[in-house]
Amino acid sequence: MDTGDFRFDYTPIGNLTDFTKLEEWAREGIDILISDSTNSMSQEHSPTEKNILIDIEKFITESKGKILFTTFASNMNRVKAVIDLAVKNNKKICCFGRSMIKMVSIAKKLKFIDVPESI
């Protein structure tokens, strides 16, 4: 099984981890697990996405200039949350990077992200 990157966040901005499904897979047995999770070797818990967004909103609200925000293009829940904060604070958005542009474009077409063209 290959999990891709993940984190257990009990107050996520997207979907909650399906712990029941994880337990089901564990009962079935897994011979090989290929897994990647940033900071997985740290014993401390990372802050939740909701807590991180509080700080991000503060920076966006108080900023008088440009803000550069970097994240993985595959984390569309985080991208959407930051875009929503930018729209809320009337900040212009510029996405760059092939994967980011592609993912945001798809998210807009699917109506996952709703942002006025003026932003």
N, C-alpha and C. Protein backbone atom coordinates (compact mmCIF):
# COMPACT_ATOMS: atom_id res chain seq x y z
N MET A 1 0.85 -1.17 0.00
CA MET A 1 0.00 0.00 0.00
C MET A 1 0.89 1.23 0.00
N ASP A 2 0.57 2.21 -0.83
CA ASP A 2 1.28 3.48 -0.89
C ASP A 2 0.31 4.57 -0.46
N THR A 3 0.60 5.21 0.66
CA THR A 3 -0.33 6.20 1.22
C THR A 3 -0.19 7.58 0.59
N GLY A 4 0.98 7.88 0.02
CA GLY A 4 1.23 9.26 -0.36
C GLY A 4 1.44 10.07 0.92
N ASP A 5 1.58 11.37 0.79
CA ASP A 5 1.77 12.23 1.97
C ASP A 5 0.44 12.37 2.70
N PHE A 6 0.47 12.38 4.01
CA PHE A 6 -0.75 12.52 4.80
C PHE A 6 -0.42 13.10 6.16
N ARG A 7 -1.45 13.46 6.89
CA ARG A 7 -1.31 13.83 8.30
C ARG A 7 -2.62 13.54 8.99
N PHE A 8 -2.54 13.24 10.26
CA PHE A 8 -3.74 13.05 11.06
C PHE A 8 -4.06 14.37 11.73
N ASP A 9 -5.11 15.00 11.27
CA ASP A 9 -5.54 16.30 11.79
C ASP A 9 -6.97 16.11 12.27
N TYR A 10 -7.17 16.27 13.57
CA TYR A 10 -8.49 16.01 14.14
C TYR A 10 -9.46 17.17 13.95
N THR A 11 -8.97 18.29 13.45
CA THR A 11 -9.84 19.42 13.09
C THR A 11 -9.41 19.93 11.71
N PRO A 12 -9.55 19.10 10.69
CA PRO A 12 -9.04 19.47 9.36
C PRO A 12 -9.90 20.53 8.68
N ILE A 13 -9.33 21.17 7.66
CA ILE A 13 -10.12 22.09 6.84
C ILE A 13 -10.76 21.34 5.68
N GLY A 14 -10.36 20.10 5.49
CA GLY A 14 -10.93 19.25 4.45
C GLY A 14 -11.61 18.05 5.10
N ASN A 15 -11.39 16.91 4.52
CA ASN A 15 -12.01 15.69 5.03
C ASN A 15 -11.28 15.14 6.24
N LEU A 16 -12.03 14.58 7.16
CA LEU A 16 -11.47 13.92 8.33
C LEU A 16 -10.94 12.56 7.91
N THR A 17 -9.82 12.15 8.48
CA THR A 17 -9.26 10.83 8.19
C THR A 17 -10.27 9.75 8.55
N ASP A 18 -10.44 8.79 7.69
CA ASP A 18 -11.36 7.67 7.92
C ASP A 18 -10.62 6.60 8.74
N PHE A 19 -10.62 6.77 10.06
CA PHE A 19 -9.91 5.85 10.94
C PHE A 19 -10.52 4.45 10.91
N THR A 20 -11.82 4.36 10.68
CA THR A 20 -12.47 3.05 10.57
C THR A 20 -11.92 2.28 9.39
N LYS A 21 -11.71 2.96 8.26
CA LYS A 21 -11.14 2.32 7.08
C LYS A 21 -9.70 1.87 7.35
N LEU A 22 -8.94 2.69 8.06
CA LEU A 22 -7.57 2.31 8.41
C LEU A 22 -7.56 1.05 9.28
N GLU A 23 -8.48 0.99 10.23
CA GLU A 23 -8.58 -0.20 11.09
C GLU A 23 -8.96 -1.43 10.27
N GLU A 24 -9.86 -1.24 9.31
CA GLU A 24 -10.27 -2.34 8.44
C GLU A 24 -9.08 -2.88 7.65
N TRP A 25 -8.29 -1.98 7.07
CA TRP A 25 -7.11 -2.40 6.32
C TRP A 25 -6.11 -3.11 7.23
N ALA A 26 -5.97 -2.62 8.46
CA ALA A 26 -5.03 -3.26 9.39
C ALA A 26 -5.48 -4.69 9.71
N ARG A 27 -6.79 -4.90 9.89
CA ARG A 27 -7.31 -6.26 10.17
C ARG A 27 -7.10 -7.19 8.98
N GLU A 28 -7.23 -6.65 7.76
CA GLU A 28 -7.03 -7.45 6.55
C GLU A 28 -5.56 -7.83 6.39
N GLY A 29 -4.69 -7.02 6.93
CA GLY A 29 -3.26 -7.28 6.83
C GLY A 29 -2.65 -6.60 5.63
N ILE A 30 -1.53 -5.96 5.87
CA ILE A 30 -0.79 -5.28 4.82
C ILE A 30 0.63 -5.80 4.88
N ASP A 31 1.14 -6.29 3.76
CA ASP A 31 2.49 -6.83 3.73
C ASP A 31 3.55 -5.74 3.63
N ILE A 32 3.26 -4.73 2.82
CA ILE A 32 4.22 -3.63 2.64
C ILE A 32 3.45 -2.31 2.67
N LEU A 33 3.96 -1.38 3.48
CA LEU A 33 3.38 -0.04 3.56
C LEU A 33 4.46 0.96 3.15
N ILE A 34 4.18 1.73 2.10
CA ILE A 34 5.07 2.80 1.67
C ILE A 34 4.37 4.09 2.05
N SER A 35 4.99 4.85 2.93
CA SER A 35 4.30 5.99 3.50
C SER A 35 5.22 7.20 3.58
N ASP A 36 4.63 8.39 3.48
CA ASP A 36 5.39 9.62 3.56
C ASP A 36 4.54 10.64 4.31
N SER A 37 5.09 11.17 5.38
CA SER A 37 4.39 12.20 6.12
C SER A 37 5.43 13.17 6.67
N THR A 38 5.35 14.43 6.26
CA THR A 38 6.30 15.44 6.70
C THR A 38 6.33 15.50 8.22
N ASN A 39 7.52 15.53 8.78
CA ASN A 39 7.74 15.61 10.23
C ASN A 39 7.24 14.38 10.98
N SER A 40 7.12 13.25 10.31
CA SER A 40 6.60 12.05 10.97
C SER A 40 7.55 11.54 12.06
N MET A 41 8.80 11.92 12.00
CA MET A 41 9.75 11.46 13.01
C MET A 41 9.72 12.34 14.27
N SER A 42 9.00 13.44 14.22
CA SER A 42 8.89 14.33 15.37
C SER A 42 7.85 13.79 16.34
N GLN A 43 8.17 13.81 17.62
CA GLN A 43 7.22 13.31 18.63
C GLN A 43 6.10 14.30 18.92
N GLU A 44 6.32 15.56 18.61
CA GLU A 44 5.29 16.57 18.86
C GLU A 44 4.27 16.56 17.72
N HIS A 45 3.07 17.00 18.05
CA HIS A 45 2.04 17.15 17.03
C HIS A 45 2.23 18.47 16.30
N SER A 46 1.99 18.46 15.02
CA SER A 46 2.02 19.70 14.25
C SER A 46 0.73 20.46 14.53
N PRO A 47 0.76 21.79 14.40
CA PRO A 47 -0.49 22.54 14.59
C PRO A 47 -1.53 22.12 13.55
N THR A 48 -2.79 22.24 13.88
CA THR A 48 -3.84 21.88 12.95
C THR A 48 -3.92 22.91 11.83
N GLU A 49 -4.50 22.51 10.71
CA GLU A 49 -4.67 23.43 9.58
C GLU A 49 -5.48 24.65 10.02
N LYS A 50 -6.50 24.44 10.85
CA LYS A 50 -7.33 25.58 11.30
C LYS A 50 -6.49 26.58 12.08
N ASN A 51 -5.60 26.10 12.95
CA ASN A 51 -4.74 27.01 13.71
C ASN A 51 -3.76 27.74 12.81
N ILE A 52 -3.22 27.04 11.83
CA ILE A 52 -2.30 27.66 10.89
C ILE A 52 -3.01 28.76 10.10
N LEU A 53 -4.27 28.51 9.71
CA LEU A 53 -5.02 29.50 8.93
C LEU A 53 -5.30 30.77 9.73
N ILE A 54 -5.41 30.66 11.04
CA ILE A 54 -5.59 31.86 11.87
C ILE A 54 -4.40 32.79 11.70
N ASP A 55 -3.19 32.21 11.76
CA ASP A 55 -1.98 33.01 11.58
C ASP A 55 -1.88 33.55 10.15
N ILE A 56 -2.21 32.72 9.17
CA ILE A 56 -2.15 33.15 7.77
C ILE A 56 -3.11 34.31 7.54
N GLU A 57 -4.31 34.22 8.09
CA GLU A 57 -5.28 35.31 7.92
C GLU A 57 -4.76 36.60 8.56
N LYS A 58 -4.12 36.48 9.70
CA LYS A 58 -3.55 37.67 10.35
C LYS A 58 -2.51 38.33 9.44
N PHE A 59 -1.62 37.52 8.83
CA PHE A 59 -0.62 38.07 7.93
C PHE A 59 -1.26 38.73 6.72
N ILE A 60 -2.28 38.08 6.15
CA ILE A 60 -2.96 38.63 4.97
C ILE A 60 -3.66 39.93 5.32
N THR A 61 -4.34 39.96 6.45
CA THR A 61 -5.10 41.14 6.88
C THR A 61 -4.17 42.32 7.16
N GLU A 62 -3.04 42.06 7.81
CA GLU A 62 -2.14 43.14 8.22
C GLU A 62 -1.15 43.55 7.14
N SER A 63 -1.01 42.75 6.09
CA SER A 63 -0.01 43.04 5.06
C SER A 63 -0.40 44.26 4.23
N LYS A 64 0.57 45.11 4.03
CA LYS A 64 0.36 46.28 3.16
C LYS A 64 1.00 46.04 1.79
N GLY A 65 1.76 44.96 1.68
CA GLY A 65 2.44 44.65 0.43
C GLY A 65 2.07 43.26 -0.07
N LYS A 66 2.98 42.71 -0.83
CA LYS A 66 2.76 41.39 -1.41
C LYS A 66 3.04 40.30 -0.39
N ILE A 67 2.37 39.18 -0.57
CA ILE A 67 2.58 38.01 0.27
C ILE A 67 2.88 36.85 -0.65
N LEU A 68 3.94 36.13 -0.37
CA LEU A 68 4.25 34.91 -1.11
C LEU A 68 3.85 33.73 -0.23
N PHE A 69 3.07 32.85 -0.79
CA PHE A 69 2.60 31.68 -0.06
C PHE A 69 2.96 30.45 -0.86
N THR A 70 3.65 29.52 -0.25
CA THR A 70 4.03 28.30 -0.95
C THR A 70 3.39 27.10 -0.27
N THR A 71 2.99 26.15 -1.08
CA THR A 71 2.43 24.91 -0.57
C THR A 71 2.47 23.87 -1.69
N PHE A 72 2.17 22.65 -1.36
CA PHE A 72 2.08 21.61 -2.37
C PHE A 72 0.81 21.82 -3.18
N ALA A 73 0.92 21.74 -4.49
CA ALA A 73 -0.25 21.91 -5.36
C ALA A 73 -1.30 20.84 -5.09
N SER A 74 -0.88 19.70 -4.60
CA SER A 74 -1.83 18.61 -4.35
C SER A 74 -2.68 18.84 -3.11
N ASN A 75 -2.31 19.80 -2.27
CA ASN A 75 -3.10 20.08 -1.06
C ASN A 75 -4.14 21.15 -1.39
N MET A 76 -5.14 20.76 -2.16
CA MET A 76 -6.12 21.71 -2.67
C MET A 76 -6.98 22.30 -1.55
N ASN A 77 -7.18 21.59 -0.45
CA ASN A 77 -7.93 22.18 0.67
C ASN A 77 -7.19 23.39 1.23
N ARG A 78 -5.88 23.28 1.35
CA ARG A 78 -5.08 24.40 1.86
C ARG A 78 -5.06 25.54 0.83
N VAL A 79 -4.87 25.21 -0.43
CA VAL A 79 -4.86 26.23 -1.49
C VAL A 79 -6.19 26.98 -1.49
N LYS A 80 -7.30 26.24 -1.43
CA LYS A 80 -8.62 26.85 -1.41
C LYS A 80 -8.78 27.78 -0.20
N ALA A 81 -8.34 27.32 0.96
CA ALA A 81 -8.47 28.12 2.18
C ALA A 81 -7.72 29.45 2.06
N VAL A 82 -6.52 29.40 1.50
CA VAL A 82 -5.73 30.64 1.34
C VAL A 82 -6.36 31.54 0.29
N ILE A 83 -6.84 30.96 -0.80
CA ILE A 83 -7.52 31.77 -1.82
C ILE A 83 -8.77 32.42 -1.23
N ASP A 84 -9.53 31.67 -0.44
CA ASP A 84 -10.72 32.24 0.21
C ASP A 84 -10.34 33.41 1.12
N LEU A 85 -9.23 33.29 1.85
CA LEU A 85 -8.78 34.38 2.71
C LEU A 85 -8.35 35.59 1.87
N ALA A 86 -7.70 35.33 0.76
CA ALA A 86 -7.29 36.43 -0.13
C ALA A 86 -8.51 37.16 -0.68
N VAL A 87 -9.51 36.40 -1.11
CA VAL A 87 -10.74 37.00 -1.64
C VAL A 87 -11.43 37.82 -0.54
N LYS A 88 -11.52 37.23 0.64
CA LYS A 88 -12.16 37.91 1.78
C LYS A 88 -11.48 39.24 2.09
N ASN A 89 -10.16 39.31 1.90
CA ASN A 89 -9.39 40.52 2.19
C ASN A 89 -9.07 41.34 0.95
N ASN A 90 -9.76 41.03 -0.16
CA ASN A 90 -9.61 41.77 -1.41
C ASN A 90 -8.16 41.85 -1.89
N LYS A 91 -7.46 40.73 -1.79
CA LYS A 91 -6.08 40.64 -2.26
C LYS A 91 -6.06 39.95 -3.62
N LYS A 92 -5.25 40.43 -4.50
CA LYS A 92 -5.09 39.79 -5.82
C LYS A 92 -4.30 38.51 -5.67
N ILE A 93 -4.60 37.54 -6.53
CA ILE A 93 -3.96 36.23 -6.47
C ILE A 93 -3.23 35.96 -7.77
N CYS A 94 -2.02 35.44 -7.65
CA CYS A 94 -1.25 35.02 -8.82
C CYS A 94 -0.67 33.64 -8.51
N CYS A 95 -1.11 32.66 -9.25
CA CYS A 95 -0.59 31.30 -9.08
C CYS A 95 0.51 31.06 -10.10
N PHE A 96 1.56 30.40 -9.69
CA PHE A 96 2.58 30.02 -10.67
C PHE A 96 3.13 28.65 -10.33
N GLY A 97 3.72 28.06 -11.32
CA GLY A 97 4.17 26.68 -11.23
C GLY A 97 3.18 25.82 -12.01
N ARG A 98 3.70 24.95 -12.86
CA ARG A 98 2.85 24.14 -13.74
C ARG A 98 1.79 23.36 -12.96
N SER A 99 2.18 22.67 -11.91
CA SER A 99 1.21 21.86 -11.15
C SER A 99 0.18 22.73 -10.43
N MET A 100 0.64 23.84 -9.86
CA MET A 100 -0.29 24.71 -9.14
C MET A 100 -1.33 25.30 -10.09
N ILE A 101 -0.88 25.78 -11.24
CA ILE A 101 -1.80 26.37 -12.21
C ILE A 101 -2.80 25.32 -12.69
N LYS A 102 -2.32 24.13 -12.96
CA LYS A 102 -3.19 23.05 -13.42
C LYS A 102 -4.21 22.67 -12.35
N MET A 103 -3.77 22.51 -11.12
CA MET A 103 -4.67 22.10 -10.03
C MET A 103 -5.72 23.17 -9.73
N VAL A 104 -5.31 24.43 -9.70
CA VAL A 104 -6.27 25.51 -9.43
C VAL A 104 -7.26 25.62 -10.58
N SER A 105 -6.80 25.46 -11.79
CA SER A 105 -7.69 25.50 -12.96
C SER A 105 -8.75 24.39 -12.87
N ILE A 106 -8.32 23.20 -12.55
CA ILE A 106 -9.27 22.09 -12.40
C ILE A 106 -10.24 22.35 -11.25
N ALA A 107 -9.72 22.85 -10.13
CA ALA A 107 -10.57 23.14 -8.97
C ALA A 107 -11.62 24.20 -9.30
N LYS A 108 -11.24 25.19 -10.12
CA LYS A 108 -12.20 26.21 -10.55
C LYS A 108 -13.26 25.62 -11.46
N LYS A 109 -12.85 24.76 -12.41
CA LYS A 109 -13.80 24.13 -13.32
C LYS A 109 -14.80 23.26 -12.57
N LEU A 110 -14.34 22.60 -11.51
CA LEU A 110 -15.20 21.73 -10.71
C LEU A 110 -15.99 22.50 -9.65
N LYS A 111 -15.81 23.83 -9.62
CA LYS A 111 -16.50 24.72 -8.66
C LYS A 111 -16.07 24.46 -7.22
N PHE A 112 -14.89 23.85 -7.04
CA PHE A 112 -14.34 23.67 -5.69
C PHE A 112 -13.79 24.99 -5.19
N ILE A 113 -13.19 25.74 -6.11
CA ILE A 113 -12.71 27.09 -5.81
C ILE A 113 -13.56 28.07 -6.59
N ASP A 114 -14.09 29.06 -5.88
CA ASP A 114 -14.91 30.09 -6.52
C ASP A 114 -14.24 31.43 -6.24
N VAL A 115 -13.60 31.97 -7.26
CA VAL A 115 -12.90 33.23 -7.10
C VAL A 115 -13.24 34.14 -8.27
N PRO A 116 -13.61 35.38 -7.98
CA PRO A 116 -13.91 36.31 -9.07
C PRO A 116 -12.67 36.54 -9.94
N GLU A 117 -12.86 36.71 -11.23
CA GLU A 117 -11.74 36.95 -12.14
C GLU A 117 -10.98 38.23 -11.79
N SER A 118 -11.65 39.18 -11.14
CA SER A 118 -11.01 40.44 -10.76
C SER A 118 -9.94 40.24 -9.68
N ILE A 119 -10.02 39.14 -8.97
CA ILE A 119 -9.05 38.85 -7.90
C ILE A 119 -7.95 38.02 -8.51
